[in-house]
Amino acid sequence: MARAKALLAEPTSENLRYAALELRLCVELLTYEKLRSFSTVIPESVVSTWQPPQAVKALLEFEPSADRSFTLFVGLEEEYGKPSNDMRFVGKHNAIPLKWLRRHYNKLGSLLHAPAPASSGGMSLAETKTYLEQCVSDLEEPLAGNITGFSLRNVVSISCEVCESPVVANAEVATSSHKAVCLNPKCCAEYFVEAMPDGAVAFKLKVTVFNCAVEGCSGNMPIENRKLEIGAELVCPECKSKHRIVSRQWGYELPGG
């Protein structure tokens, strides 16, 4: 941040470009520092494939407050279930909102390329300087926090049926929204989540199974619901016949039927 401020003090075209780079790096460092608090549920092999917006989006799949700021106090209860009369300040976490990250991460990146002339929609030097100064101001608060990452959560996870990457979810949120998504950005398989009577959480891949249309073949062809569309092609694993979806229909029944 200090280097970005120094570069902005002499706003040449080159200095502004390097200031944008410093600010983009600052955003990345803040985001990955946050991820370290989730290292027990997100493997490094997955994290290393993410850009900051993807990382925060994944965090929000199982931790809805991952991009929210908070202040932490602790105290010893004198009576079980009642707040302590001696609550002590531990620290503050100032998060970068996902909306801000989505908007500015790519915009900062665009400033690292050859500048477009202002007449064609690009920003002038003065406009670029003003924009970068606003980014500096927005990042001051996240940098000022003394807690980089913290979460109280009941996390449940499975291995994705499609790519074997982790599917991680906040149990309370997932069983109310009934959804979870594979954390692998190249997969993103969708799951229906359901709370079971014994308190466990069940994940079901959102998939539709089609029977092979070849007479005498008993092959089944599964396809993820998000990929269901007119023209989608399927191959029978038994007879290798190719099929194409030409219409969509839904099965239904009365409740309890």
Protein backbone atom coordinates (compact mmCIF):
# COMPACT_ATOMS: atom_id res chain seq x y z
CA MET A 1 0.00 0.00 0.00
CA ALA A 2 2.83 2.39 0.85
CA ARG A 3 4.39 1.84 -2.59
CA ALA A 4 1.05 2.51 -4.30
CA LYS A 5 0.68 5.79 -2.40
CA ALA A 6 4.21 6.85 -3.33
CA LEU A 7 3.55 6.11 -7.01
CA LEU A 8 0.28 8.06 -6.92
CA ALA A 9 2.14 11.08 -5.57
CA GLU A 10 3.84 11.33 -9.00
CA PRO A 11 1.01 10.38 -11.37
CA THR A 12 2.79 9.61 -14.63
CA SER A 13 1.33 6.98 -16.93
CA GLU A 14 3.99 4.46 -15.86
CA ASN A 15 3.58 5.20 -12.14
CA LEU A 16 -0.19 4.80 -12.29
CA ARG A 17 0.21 1.44 -14.00
CA TYR A 18 2.56 0.23 -11.28
CA ALA A 19 0.25 1.65 -8.61
CA ALA A 20 -2.59 -0.44 -10.08
CA LEU A 21 -0.33 -3.51 -9.91
CA GLU A 22 0.52 -2.83 -6.25
CA LEU A 23 -3.17 -2.46 -5.38
CA ARG A 24 -4.10 -5.65 -7.22
CA LEU A 25 -1.39 -7.52 -5.32
CA CYS A 26 -2.73 -6.03 -2.08
CA VAL A 27 -6.22 -7.39 -2.87
CA GLU A 28 -4.77 -10.83 -3.60
CA LEU A 29 -2.75 -10.93 -0.38
CA LEU A 30 -5.78 -9.93 1.71
CA THR A 31 -7.93 -12.60 0.07
CA TYR A 32 -5.46 -15.44 0.44
CA GLU A 33 -4.74 -14.45 4.03
CA LYS A 34 -8.46 -14.93 4.64
CA LEU A 35 -8.28 -18.36 3.02
CA ARG A 36 -5.65 -19.52 5.51
CA SER A 37 -8.33 -19.59 8.22
CA PHE A 38 -10.21 -22.17 6.13
CA SER A 39 -7.19 -24.36 5.37
CA THR A 40 -8.67 -27.33 7.23
CA VAL A 41 -11.57 -27.57 4.76
CA ILE A 42 -10.09 -26.21 1.52
CA PRO A 43 -7.08 -28.13 0.15
CA GLU A 44 -4.13 -26.11 -1.15
CA SER A 45 -4.45 -27.97 -4.47
CA VAL A 46 -7.84 -26.28 -4.94
CA VAL A 47 -6.92 -22.87 -3.58
CA SER A 48 -3.94 -22.57 -5.91
CA THR A 49 -6.26 -22.63 -8.94
CA TRP A 50 -8.36 -19.67 -7.81
CA GLN A 51 -8.19 -15.98 -8.52
CA PRO A 52 -9.39 -13.80 -5.60
CA PRO A 53 -12.98 -13.38 -6.88
CA GLN A 54 -13.29 -17.16 -7.31
CA ALA A 55 -11.79 -17.71 -3.87
CA VAL A 56 -14.25 -15.43 -2.10
CA LYS A 57 -17.18 -16.83 -4.07
CA ALA A 58 -16.18 -20.33 -2.95
CA LEU A 59 -15.90 -19.19 0.66
CA LEU A 60 -19.40 -17.79 0.50
CA GLU A 61 -20.73 -21.18 -0.61
CA PHE A 62 -20.16 -22.48 2.90
CA GLU A 63 -19.52 -19.35 4.95
CA PRO A 64 -22.07 -16.61 4.11
CA SER A 65 -20.31 -14.09 6.35
CA ALA A 66 -16.89 -14.64 4.77
CA ASP A 67 -16.92 -11.17 3.18
CA ARG A 68 -18.37 -9.37 6.21
CA SER A 69 -16.49 -7.44 8.85
CA PHE A 70 -16.79 -8.28 12.54
CA THR A 71 -15.49 -7.33 15.98
CA LEU A 72 -14.60 -10.11 18.42
CA PHE A 73 -15.01 -9.96 22.20
CA VAL A 74 -14.52 -12.82 24.67
CA GLY A 75 -15.39 -13.22 28.33
CA LEU A 76 -15.71 -15.88 31.00
CA GLU A 77 -19.33 -16.77 31.77
CA GLU A 78 -20.24 -16.42 35.42
CA GLU A 79 -23.43 -18.36 34.68
CA TYR A 80 -23.87 -20.83 31.83
CA GLY A 81 -25.76 -19.34 28.88
CA LYS A 82 -25.52 -15.74 30.07
CA PRO A 83 -23.07 -13.22 28.57
CA SER A 84 -20.07 -12.38 30.70
CA ASN A 85 -20.03 -9.08 32.54
CA ASP A 86 -16.37 -8.76 31.64
CA MET A 87 -16.20 -8.91 27.85
CA ARG A 88 -12.78 -8.07 26.49
CA PHE A 89 -11.91 -6.83 23.03
CA VAL A 90 -9.86 -9.32 21.01
CA GLY A 91 -9.72 -7.72 17.61
CA LYS A 92 -11.47 -6.64 14.46
CA HIS A 93 -11.69 -8.16 11.02
CA ASN A 94 -12.42 -5.75 8.17
CA ALA A 95 -13.43 -7.77 5.10
CA ILE A 96 -13.45 -6.86 1.43
CA PRO A 97 -17.05 -7.24 0.19
CA LEU A 98 -17.46 -9.66 -2.70
CA LYS A 99 -19.29 -6.96 -4.69
CA TRP A 100 -16.27 -4.65 -4.39
CA LEU A 101 -13.87 -7.44 -5.29
CA ARG A 102 -15.81 -8.43 -8.40
CA ARG A 103 -15.95 -4.85 -9.59
CA HIS A 104 -12.40 -3.71 -8.92
CA TYR A 105 -10.13 -6.74 -9.25
CA ASN A 106 -10.60 -6.98 -13.02
CA LYS A 107 -10.68 -3.21 -13.44
CA LEU A 108 -7.32 -2.88 -11.70
CA GLY A 109 -6.03 -5.61 -13.99
CA SER A 110 -7.20 -3.72 -17.07
CA LEU A 111 -4.96 -0.81 -16.07
CA LEU A 112 -1.90 -3.04 -16.42
CA HIS A 113 -2.33 -3.15 -20.19
CA ALA A 114 -1.53 -0.51 -22.78
CA PRO A 115 -3.90 2.39 -22.01
CA ALA A 116 -6.82 3.08 -24.33
CA PRO A 117 -7.22 6.73 -25.34
CA ALA A 118 -9.74 8.67 -23.25
CA SER A 119 -11.64 9.51 -26.44
CA SER A 120 -12.37 5.81 -27.00
CA GLY A 121 -13.73 5.20 -23.52
CA GLY A 122 -10.46 4.82 -21.61
CA MET A 123 -9.74 6.89 -18.50
CA SER A 124 -7.52 9.94 -18.59
CA LEU A 125 -4.50 10.20 -16.28
CA ALA A 126 -6.50 12.38 -13.90
CA GLU A 127 -9.43 9.95 -13.87
CA THR A 128 -7.12 6.98 -13.35
CA LYS A 129 -5.39 8.72 -10.44
CA THR A 130 -8.76 9.53 -8.82
CA TYR A 131 -9.93 5.94 -9.25
CA LEU A 132 -6.76 4.46 -7.76
CA GLU A 133 -6.90 6.87 -4.82
CA GLN A 134 -10.44 5.65 -4.11
CA CYS A 135 -9.19 2.05 -4.18
CA VAL A 136 -6.48 3.00 -1.69
CA SER A 137 -9.14 4.52 0.56
CA ASP A 138 -11.35 1.41 0.27
CA LEU A 139 -8.46 -0.88 1.20
CA GLU A 140 -7.28 1.12 4.19
CA GLU A 141 -9.94 -0.37 6.47
CA PRO A 142 -9.31 -4.06 5.58
CA LEU A 143 -5.59 -3.51 6.13
CA ALA A 144 -6.23 -1.89 9.51
CA GLY A 145 -7.90 -4.98 11.01
CA ASN A 146 -5.82 -7.16 13.32
CA ILE A 147 -7.76 -10.39 12.57
CA THR A 148 -7.17 -11.66 9.05
CA GLY A 149 -9.54 -14.61 9.18
CA PHE A 150 -11.83 -16.35 11.63
CA SER A 151 -14.95 -18.46 11.42
CA LEU A 152 -17.35 -20.30 13.71
CA ARG A 153 -18.96 -22.89 11.51
CA ASN A 154 -20.35 -26.40 11.24
CA VAL A 155 -18.80 -27.53 7.97
CA VAL A 156 -19.81 -30.68 6.09
CA SER A 157 -18.09 -31.95 2.97
CA ILE A 158 -17.94 -34.78 0.44
CA SER A 159 -15.78 -35.67 -2.53
CA CYS A 160 -17.38 -34.49 -5.79
CA GLU A 161 -18.87 -37.38 -7.80
CA VAL A 162 -17.77 -35.67 -11.02
CA CYS A 163 -14.19 -34.52 -10.37
CA GLU A 164 -13.38 -35.75 -6.83
CA SER A 165 -12.66 -32.20 -5.61
CA PRO A 166 -14.17 -31.16 -2.26
CA VAL A 167 -17.80 -30.05 -2.02
CA VAL A 168 -17.91 -28.02 1.19
CA ALA A 169 -20.95 -26.43 2.80
CA ASN A 170 -22.04 -24.71 5.98
CA ALA A 171 -24.49 -27.30 7.35
CA GLU A 172 -27.07 -24.78 8.59
CA VAL A 173 -27.05 -22.73 5.40
CA ALA A 174 -26.94 -25.69 3.03
CA THR A 175 -29.88 -27.49 4.63
CA SER A 176 -32.00 -24.34 4.40
CA SER A 177 -30.97 -23.40 0.85
CA HIS A 178 -30.77 -27.09 -0.18
CA LYS A 179 -27.76 -26.47 -2.40
CA ALA A 180 -23.99 -26.82 -2.54
CA VAL A 181 -21.48 -26.45 -5.36
CA CYS A 182 -18.18 -28.19 -6.10
CA LEU A 183 -15.29 -25.85 -5.28
CA ASN A 184 -13.36 -26.78 -8.41
CA PRO A 185 -13.93 -23.84 -10.82
CA LYS A 186 -13.53 -26.19 -13.78
CA CYS A 187 -16.34 -28.40 -12.47
CA CYS A 188 -18.88 -26.49 -10.32
CA ALA A 189 -21.17 -29.53 -10.12
CA GLU A 190 -24.39 -28.73 -8.27
CA TYR A 191 -25.79 -30.75 -5.37
CA PHE A 192 -29.12 -30.91 -3.57
CA VAL A 193 -28.55 -30.86 0.20
CA GLU A 194 -30.97 -32.38 2.68
CA ALA A 195 -30.99 -32.71 6.47
CA MET A 196 -31.59 -36.32 7.55
CA PRO A 197 -33.66 -37.38 10.61
CA ASP A 198 -30.50 -38.51 12.43
CA GLY A 199 -28.92 -35.06 12.05
CA ALA A 200 -26.62 -36.03 9.21
CA VAL A 201 -26.48 -34.05 5.96
CA ALA A 202 -27.02 -35.79 2.61
CA PHE A 203 -25.64 -34.53 -0.71
CA LYS A 204 -27.29 -35.60 -3.96
CA LEU A 205 -25.80 -34.69 -7.33
CA LYS A 206 -28.41 -32.86 -9.40
CA VAL A 207 -28.56 -35.34 -12.24
CA THR A 208 -31.16 -36.87 -14.54
CA VAL A 209 -30.78 -40.45 -15.84
CA PHE A 210 -32.02 -41.41 -19.31
CA ASN A 211 -32.62 -44.94 -20.56
CA CYS A 212 -30.94 -45.97 -23.79
CA ALA A 213 -33.37 -45.76 -26.72
CA VAL A 214 -31.84 -48.77 -28.51
CA GLU A 215 -34.19 -51.77 -28.34
CA GLY A 216 -32.82 -54.49 -26.08
CA CYS A 217 -30.17 -52.24 -24.46
CA SER A 218 -30.48 -51.63 -20.73
CA GLY A 219 -27.87 -48.87 -20.53
CA ASN A 220 -28.48 -45.72 -18.47
CA MET A 221 -27.12 -42.27 -19.37
CA PRO A 222 -26.79 -39.76 -16.53
CA ILE A 223 -26.42 -36.03 -17.24
CA GLU A 224 -26.15 -33.15 -14.78
CA ASN A 225 -29.30 -31.02 -14.67
CA ARG A 226 -27.34 -27.80 -15.34
CA LYS A 227 -26.26 -29.30 -18.67
CA LEU A 228 -29.77 -30.29 -19.75
CA GLU A 229 -30.66 -28.42 -22.91
CA ILE A 230 -32.11 -29.10 -26.32
CA GLY A 231 -29.35 -30.49 -28.50
CA ALA A 232 -27.24 -31.93 -25.66
CA GLU A 233 -25.72 -35.27 -26.65
CA LEU A 234 -25.46 -38.46 -24.58
CA VAL A 235 -23.60 -41.71 -25.25
CA CYS A 236 -24.86 -45.02 -23.89
CA PRO A 237 -22.11 -46.68 -21.83
CA GLU A 238 -23.39 -50.12 -22.85
CA CYS A 239 -23.92 -50.02 -26.62
CA LYS A 240 -22.11 -46.72 -27.34
CA SER A 241 -25.11 -45.34 -29.25
CA LYS A 242 -25.28 -41.56 -29.44
CA HIS A 243 -28.45 -39.80 -28.29
CA ARG A 244 -29.58 -36.20 -28.56
CA ILE A 245 -32.07 -34.40 -26.31
CA VAL A 246 -34.92 -33.07 -28.43
CA SER A 247 -37.47 -32.08 -25.77
CA ARG A 248 -37.79 -31.54 -22.02
CA GLN A 249 -40.45 -32.97 -19.73
CA TRP A 250 -40.85 -33.11 -15.97
CA GLY A 251 -42.19 -36.01 -13.96
CA TYR A 252 -44.40 -35.13 -11.00
CA GLU A 253 -46.63 -36.69 -8.36
CA LEU A 254 -48.95 -35.77 -5.50
CA PRO A 255 -47.23 -35.21 -2.13
CA GLY A 256 -46.65 -38.57 -0.48
CA GLY A 257 -47.34 -40.37 -3.73
